[in-house]
């Protein structure tokens, strides 16, 4: 079985190195049917370098898409988890009235929720207490 017969698939040859302009231009190529590993046993030895070159061209063209997909979730900003004064007191071994005093004197950052309630960003409090 020749590599050309393997690439033939359902009437769609695999893109060759010369055809990778289609992949780089961003246009949508037709669906690609790659041969199975069992089919590769019948490829003549002289056609193996050509298939490897085509595979390298496909890999080079598709790798940036994977990088973009992997980076996308990290691009979204995350909101800090806000903790109650009781949770801050427990996390830093402080008395509850001391947490409120530090917030009142602005020694630790706090967010007012409604008339009386306060919430704290644990990481911001950690940095404030470390300084």
C-alpha atoms as a PDB file:
ATOM      1  CA  UNK A   1       0.000   0.000   0.000  1.00  0.00           C
ATOM      2  CA  UNK A   2       1.493   3.378  -0.952  1.00  0.00           C
ATOM      3  CA  UNK A   3       1.450   6.577   1.096  1.00  0.00           C
ATOM      4  CA  UNK A   4      -0.644   8.167  -1.659  1.00  0.00           C
ATOM      5  CA  UNK A   5      -3.273   5.453  -1.179  1.00  0.00           C
ATOM      6  CA  UNK A   6      -3.179   6.016   2.598  1.00  0.00           C
ATOM      7  CA  UNK A   7      -3.612   9.763   2.163  1.00  0.00           C
ATOM      8  CA  UNK A   8      -6.470   9.243  -0.236  1.00  0.00           C
ATOM      9  CA  UNK A   9      -8.924   8.376   2.503  1.00  0.00           C
ATOM     10  CA  UNK A  10     -12.429   9.367   1.416  1.00  0.00           C
ATOM     11  CA  UNK A  11     -11.148  11.456  -1.496  1.00  0.00           C
ATOM     12  CA  UNK A  12      -9.207  13.896   0.716  1.00  0.00           C
ATOM     13  CA  UNK A  13      -5.392  13.718   0.697  1.00  0.00           C
ATOM     14  CA  UNK A  14      -3.417  14.839   3.727  1.00  0.00           C
ATOM     15  CA  UNK A  15      -1.990  18.332   3.318  1.00  0.00           C
ATOM     16  CA  UNK A  16       1.607  18.326   2.143  1.00  0.00           C
ATOM     17  CA  UNK A  17       4.360  20.761   3.096  1.00  0.00           C
ATOM     18  CA  UNK A  18       3.519  22.749  -0.035  1.00  0.00           C
ATOM     19  CA  UNK A  19      -0.152  22.938   1.026  1.00  0.00           C
ATOM     20  CA  UNK A  20       0.486  24.248   4.548  1.00  0.00           C
ATOM     21  CA  UNK A  21      -0.163  27.814   3.355  1.00  0.00           C
ATOM     22  CA  UNK A  22      -3.835  26.928   3.786  1.00  0.00           C
ATOM     23  CA  UNK A  23      -3.184  26.103   7.457  1.00  0.00           C
ATOM     24  CA  UNK A  24      -1.107  29.263   8.056  1.00  0.00           C
ATOM     25  CA  UNK A  25      -3.564  31.587   6.330  1.00  0.00           C
ATOM     26  CA  UNK A  26      -6.238  30.719   8.865  1.00  0.00           C
ATOM     27  CA  UNK A  27      -8.653  29.411   6.265  1.00  0.00           C
ATOM     28  CA  UNK A  28     -10.479  26.303   7.218  1.00  0.00           C
ATOM     29  CA  UNK A  29      -9.111  23.234   5.387  1.00  0.00           C
ATOM     30  CA  UNK A  30     -11.321  20.234   4.749  1.00  0.00           C
ATOM     31  CA  UNK A  31     -11.425  17.617   7.540  1.00  0.00           C
ATOM     32  CA  UNK A  32      -8.245  15.530   7.654  1.00  0.00           C
ATOM     33  CA  UNK A  33      -8.337  11.765   7.902  1.00  0.00           C
ATOM     34  CA  UNK A  34      -5.018  10.461   9.188  1.00  0.00           C
ATOM     35  CA  UNK A  35      -4.036   6.857   8.574  1.00  0.00           C
ATOM     36  CA  UNK A  36      -4.206   4.461  11.483  1.00  0.00           C
ATOM     37  CA  UNK A  37      -0.990   2.940  12.873  1.00  0.00           C
ATOM     38  CA  UNK A  38      -2.009  -0.425  11.375  1.00  0.00           C
ATOM     39  CA  UNK A  39      -2.134   1.158   7.887  1.00  0.00           C
ATOM     40  CA  UNK A  40       1.390   2.540   8.278  1.00  0.00           C
ATOM     41  CA  UNK A  41       2.937  -0.926   8.166  1.00  0.00           C
ATOM     42  CA  UNK A  42       2.227  -1.040   4.427  1.00  0.00           C
ATOM     43  CA  UNK A  43       3.934   2.288   3.601  1.00  0.00           C
ATOM     44  CA  UNK A  44       6.999   1.831   1.373  1.00  0.00           C
ATOM     45  CA  UNK A  45      10.250   2.877   3.044  1.00  0.00           C
ATOM     46  CA  UNK A  46      10.988   5.603   0.463  1.00  0.00           C
ATOM     47  CA  UNK A  47       7.706   7.388   1.305  1.00  0.00           C
ATOM     48  CA  UNK A  48       8.272   7.480   5.093  1.00  0.00           C
ATOM     49  CA  UNK A  49      10.362  10.725   5.055  1.00  0.00           C
ATOM     50  CA  UNK A  50       7.579  12.471   3.116  1.00  0.00           C
ATOM     51  CA  UNK A  51       4.960  11.406   5.679  1.00  0.00           C
ATOM     52  CA  UNK A  52       7.200  12.523   8.567  1.00  0.00           C
ATOM     53  CA  UNK A  53       7.701  15.916   6.913  1.00  0.00           C
ATOM     54  CA  UNK A  54       3.951  16.318   6.475  1.00  0.00           C
ATOM     55  CA  UNK A  55       3.365  15.350  10.102  1.00  0.00           C
ATOM     56  CA  UNK A  56       5.953  17.921  11.241  1.00  0.00           C
ATOM     57  CA  UNK A  57       4.200  20.598   9.149  1.00  0.00           C
ATOM     58  CA  UNK A  58       0.843  19.700  10.735  1.00  0.00           C
ATOM     59  CA  UNK A  59       2.359  19.744  14.211  1.00  0.00           C
ATOM     60  CA  UNK A  60       3.962  23.155  13.631  1.00  0.00           C
ATOM     61  CA  UNK A  61       0.706  24.581  12.285  1.00  0.00           C
ATOM     62  CA  UNK A  62      -1.491  23.187  15.091  1.00  0.00           C
ATOM     63  CA  UNK A  63       0.791  23.700  18.143  1.00  0.00           C
ATOM     64  CA  UNK A  64       0.033  27.436  18.512  1.00  0.00           C
ATOM     65  CA  UNK A  65      -3.686  26.639  18.706  1.00  0.00           C
ATOM     66  CA  UNK A  66      -3.072  24.343  21.691  1.00  0.00           C
ATOM     67  CA  UNK A  67      -0.975  26.999  23.402  1.00  0.00           C
ATOM     68  CA  UNK A  68      -3.754  29.556  22.925  1.00  0.00           C
ATOM     69  CA  UNK A  69      -6.331  27.155  24.370  1.00  0.00           C
ATOM     70  CA  UNK A  70      -4.151  26.359  27.392  1.00  0.00           C
ATOM     71  CA  UNK A  71      -3.485  30.052  28.092  1.00  0.00           C
ATOM     72  CA  UNK A  72      -7.128  31.153  27.802  1.00  0.00           C
ATOM     73  CA  UNK A  73      -8.347  30.034  31.281  1.00  0.00           C
ATOM     74  CA  UNK A  74      -5.411  31.754  32.971  1.00  0.00           C
ATOM     75  CA  UNK A  75      -6.334  35.042  31.309  1.00  0.00           C
ATOM     76  CA  UNK A  76      -9.568  35.316  33.236  1.00  0.00           C
ATOM     77  CA  UNK A  77      -9.120  37.334  36.422  1.00  0.00           C
ATOM     78  CA  UNK A  78     -10.217  35.603  39.586  1.00  0.00           C
ATOM     79  CA  UNK A  79     -11.967  37.368  42.401  1.00  0.00           C
ATOM     80  CA  UNK A  80     -10.474  36.940  45.850  1.00  0.00           C
ATOM     81  CA  UNK A  81     -12.384  34.894  48.377  1.00  0.00           C
ATOM     82  CA  UNK A  82     -13.650  37.206  51.049  1.00  0.00           C
ATOM     83  CA  UNK A  83     -13.562  35.951  54.636  1.00  0.00           C
ATOM     84  CA  UNK A  84     -15.417  37.033  57.745  1.00  0.00           C
ATOM     85  CA  UNK A  85     -13.641  38.596  60.715  1.00  0.00           C
ATOM     86  CA  UNK A  86     -14.065  35.326  62.611  1.00  0.00           C
ATOM     87  CA  UNK A  87     -12.312  33.417  59.783  1.00  0.00           C
ATOM     88  CA  UNK A  88      -9.460  35.950  59.719  1.00  0.00           C
ATOM     89  CA  UNK A  89      -9.087  35.678  63.492  1.00  0.00           C
ATOM     90  CA  UNK A  90      -8.843  31.898  63.247  1.00  0.00           C
ATOM     91  CA  UNK A  91      -6.441  31.987  60.278  1.00  0.00           C
ATOM     92  CA  UNK A  92      -3.962  34.339  61.979  1.00  0.00           C
ATOM     93  CA  UNK A  93      -4.491  33.376  65.647  1.00  0.00           C
ATOM     94  CA  UNK A  94      -5.901  36.781  66.553  1.00  0.00           C
ATOM     95  CA  UNK A  95      -8.720  37.731  68.867  1.00  0.00           C
ATOM     96  CA  UNK A  96     -11.877  38.851  67.074  1.00  0.00           C
ATOM     97  CA  UNK A  97     -11.779  42.356  68.597  1.00  0.00           C
ATOM     98  CA  UNK A  98      -8.157  42.705  67.423  1.00  0.00           C
ATOM     99  CA  UNK A  99      -9.214  41.961  63.815  1.00  0.00           C
ATOM    100  CA  UNK A 100     -11.849  44.703  64.008  1.00  0.00           C
ATOM    101  CA  UNK A 101      -9.342  47.118  65.555  1.00  0.00           C
ATOM    102  CA  UNK A 102      -6.795  46.446  62.778  1.00  0.00           C
ATOM    103  CA  UNK A 103      -9.508  47.035  60.186  1.00  0.00           C
ATOM    104  CA  UNK A 104     -10.720  50.229  61.879  1.00  0.00           C
ATOM    105  CA  UNK A 105      -7.171  51.649  61.944  1.00  0.00           C
ATOM    106  CA  UNK A 106      -6.682  50.479  58.358  1.00  0.00           C
ATOM    107  CA  UNK A 107      -3.749  48.276  59.314  1.00  0.00           C
ATOM    108  CA  UNK A 108      -5.407  45.466  57.367  1.00  0.00           C
ATOM    109  CA  UNK A 109      -7.579  45.942  54.281  1.00  0.00           C
ATOM    110  CA  UNK A 110     -11.290  45.341  54.616  1.00  0.00           C
ATOM    111  CA  UNK A 111     -14.467  45.673  52.587  1.00  0.00           C
ATOM    112  CA  UNK A 112     -17.669  46.972  54.144  1.00  0.00           C
ATOM    113  CA  UNK A 113     -20.737  44.944  53.250  1.00  0.00           C
ATOM    114  CA  UNK A 114     -23.905  46.788  54.109  1.00  0.00           C
ATOM    115  CA  UNK A 115     -24.127  48.920  57.265  1.00  0.00           C
ATOM    116  CA  UNK A 116     -22.122  46.830  59.708  1.00  0.00           C
ATOM    117  CA  UNK A 117     -20.591  43.726  58.152  1.00  0.00           C
ATOM    118  CA  UNK A 118     -16.947  43.518  57.024  1.00  0.00           C
ATOM    119  CA  UNK A 119     -15.171  41.061  54.779  1.00  0.00           C
ATOM    120  CA  UNK A 120     -11.467  40.488  54.318  1.00  0.00           C
ATOM    121  CA  UNK A 121      -9.244  39.220  51.492  1.00  0.00           C
ATOM    122  CA  UNK A 122      -7.084  36.664  53.293  1.00  0.00           C
ATOM    123  CA  UNK A 123      -4.070  37.177  50.976  1.00  0.00           C
ATOM    124  CA  UNK A 124      -4.233  40.974  51.356  1.00  0.00           C
ATOM    125  CA  UNK A 125      -4.432  40.598  55.144  1.00  0.00           C
ATOM    126  CA  UNK A 126      -1.458  38.209  55.075  1.00  0.00           C
ATOM    127  CA  UNK A 127       0.611  40.774  53.143  1.00  0.00           C
ATOM    128  CA  UNK A 128      -0.454  43.616  55.449  1.00  0.00           C
ATOM    129  CA  UNK A 129       0.453  41.666  58.572  1.00  0.00           C
ATOM    130  CA  UNK A 130       3.798  40.634  57.086  1.00  0.00           C
ATOM    131  CA  UNK A 131       4.826  44.242  56.482  1.00  0.00           C
END
